[in-house]
Amino acid sequence: MIVLMAKKQPFTLVYAEEIKRHLRPINAKYHSLISDEIKDQLTFEPDVETRNRKPLQRPVAFGAEWELRLGPDNSFRAFYQVDLESHIVRIVAIGVKERNRLWIGGEEVEG
């Protein structure tokens, strides 16, 4: 008996225009790490909860539904939306978490 496994369709990652501004205050040495981690974590099954990927309990200002924790000590956050029908992940914000404070684009936001 031969069983064929259907290959999972990857999600397309779409970055909001503001992401460039969000990355400016973050040391450039982390930019490729952030990009690579987002690609690794969100290309397949971005809507599956993991230790570092969680649905948000309440909506955030940018309309994000999910949060990805990444980087050294999980100090970075990527906020995103998942469109299951069109297989698109929209990254709407990237920030830095310092203790209980969240900074996006150099400005503190409620997080």
Protein backbone atom coordinates (compact mmCIF):
# COMPACT_ATOMS: atom_id res chain seq x y z
CA MET A 1 0.00 0.00 0.00
CA ILE A 2 1.32 3.43 -0.95
CA VAL A 3 0.23 6.47 1.02
CA LEU A 4 0.72 9.87 -0.55
CA MET A 5 1.00 12.77 1.83
CA ALA A 6 -0.30 16.02 0.46
CA LYS A 7 2.35 18.70 0.72
CA LYS A 8 1.18 21.56 2.88
CA GLN A 9 0.78 24.80 1.00
CA PRO A 10 3.08 27.49 2.40
CA PHE A 11 1.65 30.81 3.51
CA THR A 12 2.76 34.00 1.79
CA LEU A 13 4.27 36.50 4.21
CA VAL A 14 3.22 40.11 3.64
CA TYR A 15 4.84 42.88 5.65
CA ALA A 16 2.96 46.08 6.46
CA GLU A 17 4.63 49.26 5.21
CA GLU A 18 5.20 50.41 8.83
CA ILE A 19 7.53 47.48 9.56
CA LYS A 20 10.51 49.44 8.18
CA ARG A 21 9.83 52.14 10.77
CA HIS A 22 9.36 49.52 13.50
CA LEU A 23 12.79 48.02 12.75
CA ARG A 24 14.74 51.32 12.85
CA PRO A 25 15.24 51.42 16.66
CA ILE A 26 16.26 47.73 16.70
CA ASN A 27 19.98 47.08 16.28
CA ALA A 28 20.60 46.16 12.61
CA LYS A 29 22.46 43.00 13.63
CA TYR A 30 19.09 41.51 14.64
CA HIS A 31 17.18 42.33 11.43
CA SER A 32 18.11 39.14 9.55
CA LEU A 33 17.52 37.03 12.67
CA ILE A 34 14.03 38.53 13.00
CA SER A 35 13.30 38.03 9.30
CA ASP A 36 14.59 34.43 9.29
CA GLU A 37 12.67 33.51 12.43
CA ILE A 38 9.42 34.98 11.09
CA LYS A 39 9.90 33.02 7.87
CA ASP A 40 10.70 29.78 9.74
CA GLN A 41 7.82 30.12 12.19
CA LEU A 42 5.02 31.51 10.02
CA THR A 43 5.42 29.96 6.56
CA PHE A 44 3.61 26.79 7.68
CA GLU A 45 0.84 26.52 10.29
CA PRO A 46 0.96 30.15 11.48
CA ASP A 47 -2.40 29.60 13.20
CA VAL A 48 -1.16 26.76 15.42
CA GLU A 49 -0.36 27.77 18.99
CA THR A 50 3.15 26.90 20.21
CA ARG A 51 5.32 27.93 23.14
CA ASN A 52 6.35 31.13 21.31
CA ARG A 53 3.31 31.63 19.07
CA LYS A 54 0.05 32.60 20.73
CA PRO A 55 -3.33 34.02 19.77
CA LEU A 56 -3.85 37.40 21.42
CA GLN A 57 -6.43 37.51 24.19
CA ARG A 58 -7.56 40.97 23.16
CA PRO A 59 -7.09 42.84 19.89
CA VAL A 60 -4.11 45.16 19.55
CA ALA A 61 -4.13 48.60 17.92
CA PHE A 62 -2.72 47.30 14.63
CA GLY A 63 -5.42 44.65 14.27
CA ALA A 64 -3.07 41.77 15.07
CA GLU A 65 -4.62 38.47 16.08
CA TRP A 66 -1.41 36.57 16.87
CA GLU A 67 1.93 37.21 18.57
CA LEU A 68 5.25 35.52 17.82
CA ARG A 69 7.98 35.74 20.45
CA LEU A 70 11.50 35.52 19.07
CA GLY A 71 15.13 36.52 19.37
CA PRO A 72 17.50 36.51 22.34
CA ASP A 73 15.49 35.88 25.52
CA ASN A 74 12.34 36.19 23.36
CA SER A 75 12.81 39.96 23.54
CA PHE A 76 11.26 40.62 20.12
CA ARG A 77 7.59 40.39 19.17
CA ALA A 78 6.04 40.03 15.74
CA PHE A 79 2.31 40.70 15.58
CA TYR A 80 0.37 39.24 12.69
CA GLN A 81 -2.95 38.27 11.10
CA VAL A 82 -3.69 34.98 9.34
CA ASP A 83 -5.95 34.73 6.30
CA LEU A 84 -6.59 31.00 5.94
CA GLU A 85 -8.58 31.33 2.71
CA SER A 86 -5.90 33.15 0.74
CA HIS A 87 -2.98 31.57 2.63
CA ILE A 88 -1.53 34.93 3.62
CA VAL A 89 0.14 36.01 6.85
CA ARG A 90 0.22 39.78 7.35
CA ILE A 91 2.95 40.94 9.69
CA VAL A 92 1.52 44.19 11.03
CA ALA A 93 4.02 45.15 13.76
CA ILE A 94 7.43 44.22 15.14
CA GLY A 95 8.48 45.38 18.57
CA VAL A 96 10.74 44.91 21.55
CA LYS A 97 9.48 43.62 24.88
CA GLU A 98 11.34 44.82 27.98
CA ARG A 99 9.86 43.25 31.10
CA ASN A 100 6.19 44.30 30.97
CA ARG A 101 6.71 47.12 28.46
CA LEU A 102 6.31 46.88 24.69
CA TRP A 103 8.11 49.24 22.31
CA ILE A 104 7.17 49.50 18.63
CA GLY A 105 9.03 51.93 16.40
CA GLY A 106 10.71 53.42 19.47
CA GLU A 107 7.39 54.27 21.13
CA GLU A 108 5.85 52.48 24.08
CA VAL A 109 2.48 50.90 23.35
CA GLU A 110 -0.07 49.09 25.46
CA GLY A 111 0.75 45.41 25.13
